Amino acid sequence: MDADAPGYSVAGAALRGVVSALPARRVTNEHFRSAFAQNDIDDVVKMLGVEARHWVSQTQTTGDLCQAAASRLLERLGWDAASLDALIFVSQTPNQRLPATACELHGALGLAPRCLAFDVGMGCSGYVYGLWLAAAMISAGCRRVLLLAGDTSSRMIDPRDRGTALLFGDAGTASALEASADAAPIHFVLGTDGAGARNLVVQGGGFRAVEPDARRAEGYDPAHLFMDGGAVFSFTLKAVPALIRDTLGRAGAEPAEVDALVLHQANRFMLNHIAKKAGIDAARTPINIDRYGNTSSASIPLVLTTDLAARLAAEPLRLMMAGFGVGYSWGGAYMTTQPLACAETLVL
């Protein structure tokens, strides 16, 4: 490891299992034919690569999806709920403004009063940030930490905006981390460029008055997601290859040593370009955006429980994970997993 490389290395934290939960409603691109011309749909799909996605019902929340994933994970691991020391809920679509959704999930899962619980309001990079927090908490003395990450972005999209309406899907995930003297260190690089915060934003729902913005179409509803796709695309192509390089440098690893490059599923063209720039071939870069869309903070663990599930259960894997986007925020993690007791996807 290069001691001068940016980032953090945390020893003694092992990933034991991951479960993802998808809502039952599967929405194919046929759904959009009444709103957009077929040529417009084809143009967007060519760039984004999304053929289908799962959307929640009117009564489902991110908290519901994460609760189901967590219950299944604890069952599969055989962990008593009372053995958990911490619960982290990473999402930008909480159940409500207050209380923290983590506190509701704490009660629903029957966790002990000594188990701390809190929300982290992050999106595309959120899983890596949550993984770093969980590992750091284990380093500080926690034994078992439950990391829940997910978003229900379908509740925020403008159905008239083909760039976002076709892109986003919903999912919730649960990951279990445990203290282990045998666990290989996890290496992290994290960063922020808040100058880009307004390029991917939902202005409504907070406490700041909505400010006029010439980029937003007349009649824009501030409860809907606004994305300056060109600006976000430019940021990603500049920041993410460097993020991967710096994270591998922190770990003292080479691209050839990566068994799987697990990227936030932003869009297919972007993912292919990043992998090429990183020197990691397509065979080692799983992509599931065609089936699930961009699921924000859930996208990395959803790749783990779909495209990599069988391998994660059977053998050690060297994973290079990279989350990036809203904020602007980015996070990279390089870790070697031991065979997981559980890696599966539920449909609710």
Protein backbone atom coordinates (compact mmCIF):
# COMPACT_ATOMS: atom_id res chain seq x y z
CA MET A 1 0.00 0.00 0.00
CA ASP A 2 1.18 3.51 -0.83
CA ALA A 3 1.15 5.35 2.50
CA ASP A 4 0.97 8.69 0.68
CA ALA A 5 -2.08 7.71 -1.39
CA PRO A 6 -5.33 9.51 -0.52
CA GLY A 7 -7.99 7.75 1.48
CA TYR A 8 -8.40 5.43 4.45
CA SER A 9 -7.72 1.79 5.23
CA VAL A 10 -9.78 -0.06 7.83
CA ALA A 11 -8.81 -3.47 9.17
CA GLY A 12 -10.86 -6.07 10.99
CA ALA A 13 -14.27 -5.73 9.29
CA ALA A 14 -15.71 -8.63 7.27
CA LEU A 15 -18.71 -8.60 4.95
CA ARG A 16 -20.86 -11.62 5.88
CA GLY A 17 -23.87 -11.33 3.60
CA VAL A 18 -25.97 -9.09 1.33
CA VAL A 19 -29.67 -9.20 0.43
CA SER A 20 -31.50 -6.93 -2.03
CA ALA A 21 -35.25 -6.39 -2.20
CA LEU A 22 -37.10 -5.29 -5.34
CA PRO A 23 -40.74 -4.23 -5.56
CA ALA A 24 -42.89 -6.65 -7.56
CA ARG A 25 -43.99 -4.10 -10.16
CA ARG A 26 -41.73 -4.55 -13.20
CA VAL A 27 -41.94 -1.71 -15.72
CA THR A 28 -40.63 -2.30 -19.25
CA ASN A 29 -40.05 0.38 -21.86
CA GLU A 30 -43.42 -0.46 -23.37
CA HIS A 31 -44.90 1.51 -20.47
CA PHE A 32 -43.58 4.78 -21.93
CA ARG A 33 -44.97 4.45 -25.46
CA SER A 34 -48.02 6.53 -24.58
CA ALA A 35 -45.83 9.41 -23.34
CA PHE A 36 -42.91 9.45 -25.77
CA ALA A 37 -42.33 8.72 -29.45
CA GLN A 38 -40.68 5.39 -30.14
CA ASN A 39 -37.64 7.10 -31.70
CA ASP A 40 -37.20 9.18 -28.54
CA ILE A 41 -37.36 6.06 -26.39
CA ASP A 42 -34.88 4.26 -28.63
CA ASP A 43 -32.42 7.16 -28.48
CA VAL A 44 -32.49 7.25 -24.68
CA VAL A 45 -32.24 3.47 -24.33
CA LYS A 46 -29.24 3.39 -26.66
CA MET A 47 -27.36 5.66 -24.27
CA LEU A 48 -28.76 4.53 -20.90
CA GLY A 49 -29.15 0.82 -21.63
CA VAL A 50 -32.30 0.42 -19.51
CA GLU A 51 -34.83 -2.12 -20.77
CA ALA A 52 -36.80 -2.62 -17.53
CA ARG A 53 -36.92 -1.45 -13.93
CA HIS A 54 -38.90 -2.16 -10.75
CA TRP A 55 -41.09 0.54 -9.20
CA VAL A 56 -42.75 0.61 -5.80
CA SER A 57 -46.48 0.76 -5.30
CA GLN A 58 -48.10 3.84 -3.76
CA THR A 59 -47.88 2.25 -0.31
CA GLN A 60 -44.29 0.92 -0.45
CA THR A 61 -41.30 2.87 0.86
CA THR A 62 -37.55 2.46 0.82
CA GLY A 63 -37.81 1.57 4.50
CA ASP A 64 -40.18 -1.30 3.66
CA LEU A 65 -37.78 -2.73 1.08
CA CYS A 66 -34.79 -2.44 3.42
CA GLN A 67 -36.73 -3.99 6.30
CA ALA A 68 -37.60 -7.04 4.21
CA ALA A 69 -33.98 -7.37 3.05
CA ALA A 70 -32.69 -7.02 6.61
CA SER A 71 -35.11 -9.60 8.03
CA ARG A 72 -34.10 -12.12 5.39
CA LEU A 73 -30.40 -11.42 5.93
CA LEU A 74 -30.57 -11.88 9.70
CA GLU A 75 -32.50 -15.12 9.18
CA ARG A 76 -29.98 -16.50 6.70
CA LEU A 77 -27.01 -15.55 8.89
CA GLY A 78 -28.65 -16.89 12.04
CA TRP A 79 -27.95 -13.61 13.83
CA ASP A 80 -30.05 -12.71 16.84
CA ALA A 81 -31.39 -9.17 16.43
CA ALA A 82 -30.13 -8.42 19.93
CA SER A 83 -26.54 -9.04 18.76
CA LEU A 84 -26.45 -5.97 16.49
CA ASP A 85 -24.51 -2.94 17.68
CA ALA A 86 -25.51 -0.47 14.97
CA LEU A 87 -27.92 0.11 12.09
CA ILE A 88 -27.10 2.60 9.31
CA PHE A 89 -29.82 3.61 6.84
CA VAL A 90 -28.47 5.25 3.68
CA SER A 91 -31.09 6.86 1.46
CA GLN A 92 -32.39 10.07 -0.06
CA THR A 93 -35.98 8.80 0.08
CA PRO A 94 -36.65 8.24 3.80
CA ASN A 95 -40.10 7.36 5.11
CA GLN A 96 -40.59 10.94 6.35
CA ARG A 97 -38.64 14.03 7.43
CA LEU A 98 -38.59 12.86 11.05
CA PRO A 99 -38.02 10.66 12.90
CA ALA A 100 -35.06 9.01 11.22
CA THR A 101 -36.17 5.98 9.22
CA ALA A 102 -33.35 4.08 10.96
CA CYS A 103 -35.20 4.51 14.25
CA GLU A 104 -38.38 3.06 12.75
CA LEU A 105 -36.42 0.14 11.33
CA HIS A 106 -34.73 -0.38 14.69
CA GLY A 107 -38.15 -0.90 16.25
CA ALA A 108 -39.54 -3.01 13.40
CA LEU A 109 -36.55 -5.37 13.49
CA GLY A 110 -36.64 -5.67 17.28
CA LEU A 111 -33.12 -4.42 17.89
CA ALA A 112 -31.78 -3.86 21.40
CA PRO A 113 -31.87 -0.40 23.04
CA ARG A 114 -28.07 -0.36 23.12
CA CYS A 115 -28.02 -0.66 19.29
CA LEU A 116 -27.52 2.78 17.78
CA ALA A 117 -29.40 3.73 14.60
CA PHE A 118 -29.11 6.72 12.29
CA ASP A 119 -29.82 7.93 8.74
CA VAL A 120 -27.27 9.05 6.14
CA GLY A 121 -28.69 11.22 3.36
CA MET A 122 -26.54 10.08 0.45
CA GLY A 123 -27.43 8.77 -3.00
CA CYS A 124 -25.25 7.38 -5.77
CA SER A 125 -22.09 7.13 -3.64
CA GLY A 126 -24.06 6.20 -0.52
CA TYR A 127 -23.27 2.50 -0.36
CA VAL A 128 -19.52 3.09 -0.31
CA TYR A 129 -19.91 5.82 2.31
CA GLY A 130 -22.05 3.48 4.39
CA LEU A 131 -19.52 0.69 4.03
CA TRP A 132 -16.78 3.04 5.23
CA LEU A 133 -18.88 4.12 8.23
CA ALA A 134 -19.72 0.53 9.14
CA ALA A 135 -16.08 -0.58 8.90
CA ALA A 136 -14.90 2.42 10.91
CA MET A 137 -17.48 1.71 13.61
CA ILE A 138 -16.27 -1.87 13.83
CA SER A 139 -12.72 -0.58 14.12
CA ALA A 140 -13.94 1.63 16.98
CA GLY A 141 -15.42 -1.29 18.90
CA CYS A 142 -18.74 -2.38 17.36
CA ARG A 143 -18.98 -6.09 16.66
CA ARG A 144 -21.92 -6.33 14.24
CA VAL A 145 -23.27 -3.56 11.99
CA LEU A 146 -26.24 -3.69 9.63
CA LEU A 147 -25.95 -1.39 6.61
CA LEU A 148 -29.22 -0.67 4.83
CA ALA A 149 -29.08 1.25 1.54
CA GLY A 150 -31.79 1.99 -0.98
CA ASP A 151 -33.89 4.54 -2.83
CA THR A 152 -37.32 4.76 -4.41
CA SER A 153 -36.51 7.36 -7.04
CA SER A 154 -39.65 6.58 -9.02
CA ARG A 155 -41.55 8.67 -6.48
CA MET A 156 -39.56 11.76 -7.55
CA ILE A 157 -39.32 11.55 -11.33
CA ASP A 158 -41.19 13.80 -13.76
CA PRO A 159 -43.13 11.48 -16.12
CA ARG A 160 -42.63 14.07 -18.90
CA ASP A 161 -38.82 13.93 -18.62
CA ARG A 162 -37.64 10.96 -20.68
CA GLY A 163 -34.05 11.33 -19.41
CA THR A 164 -35.07 10.50 -15.85
CA ALA A 165 -38.37 8.66 -16.31
CA LEU A 166 -36.69 5.86 -18.26
CA LEU A 167 -33.56 5.78 -16.12
CA PHE A 168 -34.48 5.14 -12.50
CA GLY A 169 -35.60 2.01 -10.67
CA ASP A 170 -36.31 1.24 -7.01
CA ALA A 171 -34.57 -1.16 -4.60
CA GLY A 172 -33.59 -1.62 -0.97
CA THR A 173 -30.63 -3.61 0.35
CA ALA A 174 -29.12 -4.95 3.56
CA SER A 175 -25.45 -5.78 4.19
CA ALA A 176 -24.04 -7.38 7.33
CA LEU A 177 -20.55 -6.56 8.58
CA GLU A 178 -18.83 -8.22 11.51
CA ALA A 179 -15.60 -7.79 13.43
CA SER A 180 -13.02 -10.36 12.34
CA ALA A 181 -9.30 -10.46 13.04
CA ASP A 182 -8.83 -12.43 9.80
CA ALA A 183 -10.53 -9.89 7.54
CA ALA A 184 -8.34 -8.18 4.96
CA PRO A 185 -8.24 -4.37 5.23
CA ILE A 186 -10.80 -2.43 3.23
CA HIS A 187 -9.33 0.53 1.38
CA PHE A 188 -11.42 3.66 0.74
CA VAL A 189 -11.12 6.89 -1.21
CA LEU A 190 -13.93 9.42 -0.71
CA GLY A 191 -14.52 12.89 -2.10
CA THR A 192 -16.93 15.73 -2.80
CA ASP A 193 -17.33 18.63 -5.21
CA GLY A 194 -20.27 20.62 -3.90
CA ALA A 195 -20.04 23.06 -6.82
CA GLY A 196 -22.07 20.50 -8.78
CA ALA A 197 -24.78 20.02 -6.17
CA ARG A 198 -27.45 21.88 -8.17
CA ASN A 199 -26.99 19.71 -11.25
CA LEU A 200 -28.88 16.77 -9.73
CA VAL A 201 -31.48 18.01 -7.29
CA VAL A 202 -35.01 17.79 -5.89
CA GLN A 203 -35.63 21.30 -4.65
CA GLY A 204 -38.98 20.73 -2.99
CA GLY A 205 -39.65 19.09 0.34
CA GLY A 206 -37.02 20.91 2.39
CA PHE A 207 -37.01 24.22 4.22
CA ARG A 208 -35.29 26.49 1.70
CA ALA A 209 -37.53 28.45 -0.67
CA VAL A 210 -37.35 27.17 -4.24
CA GLU A 211 -35.16 29.52 -6.27
CA PRO A 212 -35.80 30.31 -9.96
CA ASP A 213 -33.49 28.49 -12.36
CA ALA A 214 -33.47 29.16 -16.10
CA ARG A 215 -32.46 25.55 -16.82
CA ARG A 216 -35.75 24.17 -15.54
CA ALA A 217 -38.63 24.05 -17.99
CA GLU A 218 -41.66 26.23 -17.43
CA GLY A 219 -44.08 24.41 -15.18
CA TYR A 220 -41.31 22.48 -13.41
CA ASP A 221 -42.55 20.87 -10.21
CA PRO A 222 -39.89 21.23 -7.46
CA ALA A 223 -41.03 17.88 -6.05
CA HIS A 224 -39.55 16.25 -9.17
CA LEU A 225 -35.95 15.32 -9.80
CA PHE A 226 -33.98 17.71 -12.01
CA MET A 227 -30.83 16.41 -13.71
CA ASP A 228 -28.44 18.31 -15.93
CA GLY A 229 -27.38 15.16 -17.75
CA GLY A 230 -24.52 16.75 -19.68
CA ALA A 231 -22.91 18.25 -16.58
CA VAL A 232 -23.25 15.01 -14.59
CA PHE A 233 -21.83 13.02 -17.50
CA SER A 234 -18.79 15.31 -17.76
CA PHE A 235 -18.17 15.15 -14.02
CA THR A 236 -18.33 11.35 -14.02
CA LEU A 237 -15.91 10.84 -16.89
CA LYS A 238 -13.43 13.15 -15.19
CA ALA A 239 -13.74 11.95 -11.59
CA VAL A 240 -14.35 8.20 -11.67
CA PRO A 241 -11.30 6.84 -13.55
CA ALA A 242 -9.14 8.87 -11.15
CA LEU A 243 -11.15 7.50 -8.22
CA ILE A 244 -10.48 3.92 -9.32
CA ARG A 245 -6.80 4.64 -9.85
CA ASP A 246 -6.46 6.27 -6.42
CA THR A 247 -8.34 3.48 -4.64
CA LEU A 248 -6.21 0.78 -6.24
CA GLY A 249 -3.13 2.83 -5.35
CA ARG A 250 -4.29 3.02 -1.75
CA ALA A 251 -4.65 -0.78 -1.74
CA GLY A 252 -1.37 -1.38 -3.56
CA ALA A 253 -3.30 -3.30 -6.23
CA GLU A 254 -3.20 -3.35 -10.02
CA PRO A 255 -6.18 -3.43 -12.40
CA ALA A 256 -5.25 -7.00 -13.35
CA GLU A 257 -5.80 -8.07 -9.74
CA VAL A 258 -9.44 -6.94 -9.67
CA ASP A 259 -11.87 -9.86 -9.93
CA ALA A 260 -14.86 -7.56 -10.38
CA LEU A 261 -15.26 -3.81 -10.96
CA VAL A 262 -18.63 -3.00 -9.37
CA LEU A 263 -19.78 0.42 -10.55
CA HIS A 264 -22.80 2.48 -9.61
CA GLN A 265 -25.20 1.72 -12.45
CA ALA A 266 -25.47 5.23 -13.89
CA ASN A 267 -25.82 4.45 -17.60
CA ARG A 268 -24.40 1.74 -19.83
CA PHE A 269 -22.33 3.95 -22.12
CA MET A 270 -20.70 5.62 -19.13
CA LEU A 271 -19.95 2.31 -17.40
CA ASN A 272 -18.27 0.86 -20.47
CA HIS A 273 -16.15 3.99 -20.88
CA ILE A 274 -15.08 3.98 -17.20
CA ALA A 275 -14.08 0.31 -17.30
CA LYS A 276 -12.02 0.88 -20.44
CA LYS A 277 -10.25 3.88 -18.89
CA ALA A 278 -9.56 1.83 -15.74
CA GLY A 279 -7.99 -0.98 -17.77
CA ILE A 280 -10.54 -3.56 -16.59
CA ASP A 281 -12.26 -5.60 -19.30
CA ALA A 282 -16.00 -6.03 -19.76
CA ALA A 283 -15.92 -9.62 -18.51
CA ARG A 284 -14.91 -8.30 -15.08
CA THR A 285 -17.36 -5.37 -15.08
CA PRO A 286 -20.88 -6.67 -14.39
CA ILE A 287 -23.70 -4.44 -15.63
CA ASN A 288 -27.34 -4.94 -14.65
CA ILE A 289 -28.78 -1.52 -15.51
CA ASP A 290 -30.65 -3.15 -18.41
CA ARG A 291 -32.80 -5.12 -15.93
CA TYR A 292 -33.09 -2.77 -12.96
CA GLY A 293 -32.26 0.77 -14.07
CA ASN A 294 -30.32 3.20 -11.91
CA THR A 295 -31.25 2.31 -8.32
CA SER A 296 -29.12 5.04 -6.70
CA SER A 297 -27.60 3.92 -3.38
CA ALA A 298 -28.82 0.34 -3.93
CA SER A 299 -27.09 -0.16 -7.28
CA ILE A 300 -23.76 -1.55 -6.05
CA PRO A 301 -25.18 -4.12 -3.60
CA LEU A 302 -27.81 -5.07 -6.20
CA VAL A 303 -25.00 -6.02 -8.57
CA LEU A 304 -23.53 -8.14 -5.76
CA THR A 305 -26.80 -10.05 -5.23
CA THR A 306 -27.57 -10.55 -8.92
CA ASP A 307 -24.61 -10.82 -11.27
CA LEU A 308 -22.04 -11.78 -8.62
CA ALA A 309 -24.17 -13.76 -6.15
CA ALA A 310 -22.96 -17.25 -7.09
CA ARG A 311 -19.29 -16.28 -7.05
CA LEU A 312 -19.56 -14.37 -3.78
CA ALA A 313 -21.04 -17.45 -2.11
CA ALA A 314 -18.43 -19.81 -3.52
CA GLU A 315 -15.05 -18.08 -3.45
CA PRO A 316 -13.02 -15.08 -2.27
CA LEU A 317 -13.35 -12.08 -4.56
CA ARG A 318 -11.29 -8.92 -4.94
CA LEU A 319 -13.84 -6.17 -5.50
CA MET A 320 -13.24 -2.63 -6.71
CA MET A 321 -16.46 -0.71 -5.97
CA ALA A 322 -17.12 2.85 -7.12
CA GLY A 323 -20.15 5.03 -6.37
CA PHE A 324 -20.51 8.50 -7.86
CA GLY A 325 -23.09 11.15 -8.68
CA VAL A 326 -25.51 13.35 -6.75
CA GLY A 327 -23.73 15.91 -4.61
CA TYR A 328 -21.31 15.73 -6.48
CA SER A 329 -19.99 12.93 -4.32
CA TRP A 330 -17.84 9.89 -4.99
CA GLY A 331 -16.44 6.91 -3.11
CA GLY A 332 -14.25 3.96 -3.97
CA ALA A 333 -13.66 0.79 -1.95
CA TYR A 334 -11.27 -2.09 -2.61
CA MET A 335 -11.90 -5.19 -0.54
CA THR A 336 -11.32 -8.94 -0.59
CA THR A 337 -14.40 -10.85 0.48
CA GLN A 338 -14.47 -14.33 1.91
CA PRO A 339 -17.33 -16.62 0.76
CA LEU A 340 -20.59 -15.01 1.89
CA ALA A 341 -23.22 -16.91 3.84
CA CYS A 342 -25.92 -15.09 1.90
CA ALA A 343 -26.13 -13.18 -1.38
CA GLU A 344 -29.64 -13.11 -2.78
CA THR A 345 -32.38 -10.93 -4.25
CA LEU A 346 -36.01 -10.84 -3.09
CA VAL A 347 -39.03 -9.63 -5.07
CA LEU A 348 -41.80 -8.27 -2.84
